[in-house]
Protein backbone atom coordinates (compact mmCIF):
# COMPACT_ATOMS: atom_id res chain seq x y z
CA MET A 1 -9.82 -13.12 -13.74
CA ASP A 2 -11.39 -10.23 -15.07
CA THR A 3 -9.01 -6.12 -14.49
CA LYS A 4 -10.18 -3.34 -14.33
CA ILE A 5 -8.95 0.94 -14.68
CA GLU A 6 -10.59 3.58 -13.75
CA ASN A 7 -10.12 7.31 -12.21
CA PHE A 8 -10.14 7.82 -8.52
CA GLY A 9 -9.29 11.26 -8.05
CA SER A 10 -5.75 13.30 -8.79
CA ILE A 11 -4.31 15.49 -6.09
CA LYS A 12 -1.92 17.88 -7.52
CA ALA A 13 -2.24 17.54 -11.39
CA GLN A 14 -1.62 13.94 -11.41
CA ASN A 15 -4.32 11.36 -11.78
CA VAL A 16 -4.66 8.79 -9.13
CA SER A 17 -5.92 4.65 -10.47
CA LEU A 18 -8.35 2.65 -9.31
CA ILE A 19 -6.57 -1.44 -10.81
CA THR A 20 -10.00 -3.62 -10.16
CA LEU A 21 -9.12 -7.37 -9.95
CA THR A 22 -12.03 -9.84 -9.37
CA ASN A 23 -10.60 -13.09 -10.24
CA GLY A 24 -12.69 -17.01 -11.09
CA THR A 25 -13.98 -16.82 -8.10
CA GLY A 26 -15.81 -13.69 -7.95
CA HIS A 27 -13.08 -12.16 -5.06
CA GLN A 28 -12.57 -9.15 -6.25
CA VAL A 29 -9.39 -6.93 -5.19
CA ARG A 30 -9.61 -3.53 -5.60
CA ILE A 31 -6.16 -1.76 -5.97
CA THR A 32 -5.14 2.37 -6.02
CA ASN A 33 -1.65 3.98 -7.29
CA PHE A 34 -1.45 6.31 -4.71
CA GLY A 35 0.33 5.06 -1.61
CA GLY A 36 -0.54 1.17 -3.70
CA ILE A 37 -3.20 1.17 -1.22
CA VAL A 38 -5.00 -2.13 -0.98
CA HIS A 39 -8.56 -0.14 -1.46
CA SER A 40 -11.65 -3.01 -0.39
CA TRP A 41 -11.46 -7.11 -1.08
CA PHE A 42 -15.06 -8.51 -1.51
CA CYS A 43 -15.26 -12.10 -0.83
CA PRO A 44 -18.12 -14.23 -0.46
CA ASP A 45 -19.89 -14.91 4.05
CA LYS A 46 -21.16 -18.20 4.55
CA HIS A 47 -24.40 -17.16 3.10
CA GLY A 48 -22.87 -16.35 -0.39
CA VAL A 49 -23.58 -11.79 -0.02
CA TYR A 50 -19.97 -10.53 -1.08
CA GLU A 51 -19.41 -7.56 0.46
CA ASP A 52 -15.61 -5.42 1.08
CA ILE A 53 -13.82 -7.19 4.76
CA LEU A 54 -11.20 -4.75 4.47
CA LEU A 55 -10.79 -1.57 6.47
CA GLY A 56 -10.30 2.02 4.66
CA CYS A 57 -12.21 5.51 3.58
CA PRO A 58 -15.03 4.96 1.19
CA ASP A 59 -13.19 7.61 -1.02
CA LEU A 60 -9.77 8.85 -2.69
CA ASN A 61 -10.07 12.01 -0.57
CA GLY A 62 -10.07 10.07 2.98
CA TYR A 63 -6.68 8.51 2.14
CA THR A 64 -5.04 11.96 1.39
CA GLU A 65 -6.22 13.17 4.75
CA ARG A 66 -4.42 11.80 7.28
CA HIS A 67 -6.07 8.26 8.44
CA PRO A 68 -4.16 5.35 9.52
CA TYR A 69 -2.33 3.91 6.73
CA PHE A 70 -5.34 1.38 6.06
CA GLY A 71 -4.68 -0.10 3.85
CA ALA A 72 -0.69 1.66 2.62
CA ILE A 73 2.02 1.03 1.84
CA VAL A 74 4.19 1.93 4.18
CA GLY A 75 8.02 3.35 4.80
CA ARG A 76 10.64 4.51 3.87
CA TYR A 77 11.21 1.95 7.36
CA ALA A 78 7.53 0.58 8.56
CA ASN A 79 7.36 1.72 12.98
CA ARG A 80 8.94 4.34 14.46
CA ILE A 81 12.35 5.06 14.95
CA GLN A 82 13.33 6.33 17.96
CA HIS A 83 13.52 9.92 18.59
CA GLY A 84 13.61 10.02 15.31
CA GLN A 85 16.71 9.22 14.25
CA PHE A 86 19.57 6.24 13.25
CA GLU A 87 23.08 5.94 12.67
CA ILE A 88 25.27 4.23 9.61
CA ASP A 89 29.13 4.29 9.82
CA GLY A 90 29.65 7.62 12.42
CA VAL A 91 27.32 9.52 10.15
CA THR A 92 23.64 10.54 12.34
CA TYR A 93 20.69 10.99 9.85
CA ARG A 94 17.50 13.47 11.96
CA LEU A 95 13.62 11.95 10.23
CA PRO A 96 10.61 14.05 11.06
CA LYS A 97 9.49 13.46 13.78
CA ASN A 98 5.78 13.39 12.66
CA LEU A 99 4.93 11.22 15.88
CA PRO A 100 7.12 13.14 19.00
CA PRO A 101 9.27 12.76 19.86
CA HIS A 102 9.31 9.88 17.26
CA HIS A 103 9.48 9.01 13.01
CA LEU A 104 7.35 7.61 11.72
CA HIS A 105 6.41 4.85 9.05
CA GLY A 106 8.73 6.94 6.45
CA GLY A 107 7.78 10.64 7.92
CA GLU A 108 5.20 13.42 6.43
CA GLN A 109 5.86 11.83 2.80
CA GLY A 110 6.40 8.65 3.58
CA PHE A 111 5.02 5.61 0.86
CA ASP A 112 1.80 6.05 1.01
CA ARG A 113 2.04 9.60 -0.20
CA LYS A 114 3.52 8.65 -3.19
CA ILE A 115 1.26 7.99 -6.38
CA TRP A 116 2.84 5.31 -8.01
CA LYS A 117 3.26 4.29 -11.70
CA PHE A 118 1.19 0.48 -12.32
CA GLU A 119 1.60 -2.33 -14.92
CA VAL A 120 0.10 -4.75 -14.60
CA VAL A 121 0.56 -8.18 -15.72
CA GLU A 122 -2.76 -10.79 -16.95
CA LEU A 123 -2.36 -14.84 -16.87
CA LYS A 124 -5.19 -16.88 -16.94
CA ASP A 125 -5.15 -17.88 -13.55
CA ARG A 126 -3.54 -14.55 -11.61
CA THR A 127 -3.07 -10.76 -12.26
CA SER A 128 -0.52 -9.22 -11.16
CA VAL A 129 -0.29 -4.90 -10.43
CA VAL A 130 3.49 -3.94 -10.79
CA LEU A 131 4.11 -0.88 -8.19
CA THR A 132 7.50 1.79 -8.98
CA THR A 133 8.08 4.16 -6.76
CA VAL A 134 11.88 6.46 -6.35
CA SER A 135 13.02 7.56 -3.07
CA GLU A 136 15.45 10.01 -3.68
CA HIS A 137 17.86 10.40 -1.65
CA MET A 138 17.37 12.33 2.20
CA GLU A 139 14.00 12.43 1.42
CA GLU A 140 12.35 12.33 4.74
CA GLY A 141 15.96 12.56 5.79
CA TYR A 142 16.89 9.12 4.63
CA PRO A 143 20.21 8.88 2.70
CA GLY A 144 20.60 7.04 -0.57
CA GLU A 145 18.64 6.54 -3.89
CA LEU A 146 16.18 3.76 -3.41
CA ASP A 147 14.79 1.47 -5.75
CA LEU A 148 11.18 0.69 -5.04
CA LYS A 149 9.32 -2.04 -6.77
CA VAL A 150 5.83 -3.65 -4.69
CA THR A 151 3.30 -7.17 -6.90
CA TYR A 152 0.69 -7.68 -5.46
CA THR A 153 -1.02 -10.64 -6.87
CA PHE A 154 -4.38 -12.38 -7.10
CA THR A 155 -4.58 -15.66 -7.79
CA ASP A 156 -7.48 -17.93 -8.73
CA GLU A 157 -7.16 -19.41 -5.58
CA ASN A 158 -8.89 -15.97 -3.76
CA GLU A 159 -4.52 -15.33 -2.65
CA LEU A 160 -2.86 -12.42 -2.37
CA VAL A 161 0.58 -12.74 -2.70
CA ILE A 162 2.36 -9.53 -1.70
CA GLU A 163 6.39 -9.29 -3.12
CA TYR A 164 8.87 -6.00 -2.12
CA TRP A 165 11.85 -5.53 -4.19
CA ALA A 166 14.27 -2.39 -3.44
CA THR A 167 17.87 -1.35 -4.27
CA THR A 168 18.83 1.37 -3.83
CA ASP A 169 22.57 3.40 -3.70
CA ARG A 170 23.93 3.52 -0.84
CA LYS A 171 23.56 2.39 2.57
CA THR A 172 20.52 3.60 4.45
CA ILE A 173 17.14 1.56 6.09
CA SER A 174 14.04 0.31 4.77
CA THR A 175 11.06 -1.70 5.26
CA SER A 176 8.29 -1.31 3.78
CA PRO A 177 5.04 -3.58 4.87
CA THR A 178 2.01 -2.87 3.03
CA THR A 179 -1.18 -2.38 6.30
CA VAL A 180 -4.01 -4.56 5.06
CA VAL A 181 -6.27 -4.44 8.42
CA SER A 182 -9.48 -7.30 7.52
CA ILE A 183 -12.00 -6.66 9.52
CA LEU A 184 -14.46 -10.02 9.91
CA ALA A 185 -16.71 -8.26 8.71
CA GLY A 186 -17.65 -7.05 5.28
CA GLY A 187 -19.70 -3.81 6.89
CA ARG A 188 -19.48 -4.90 9.88
CA SER A 189 -22.89 -7.28 9.77
CA SER A 190 -22.77 -9.68 8.07
CA ASP A 191 -21.66 -13.14 9.06
CA PHE A 192 -18.92 -14.69 8.25
CA GLY A 193 -18.33 -17.35 10.30
CA SER A 194 -18.53 -20.94 9.92
């Protein structure tokens, strides 16, 4: 496995990194710590031509604009919360209605908008990018401080394993998937068929 970490740009004077993982078969996954976005995945078509098979933006600026959550970790809650409110133990929590009249994917400043802390863990046949962040109590209207860790592990078997861990200091709601969407057409021109 080969790992490369480079500057992907900056947001409000905070540097954003792009971590490139290349395995022994030549497949390459690129992950940024902005939103935990899986930026690209290069793999060969049946003719051996390597192309990116994921939908995404060409650069950091594309991700900082509102995009369809390409490759991002979404949350604190994935999907819509009807009318932007929910109840826990008789208490109603009201959330920003960023998809009126509903709340979508954690709101205006969900996990897809955070610059995550990260570390890279390298083993012989796999490399992991471990991302961590904290969602403070009442951030975007959600109760409880939520500590979140997401690990992307890329293997020599061309697997991208995604694992999630979360802890909170009080009752809350949370679902945080990664929205990786493949186009299976590598630049829309290659033949990825059998």
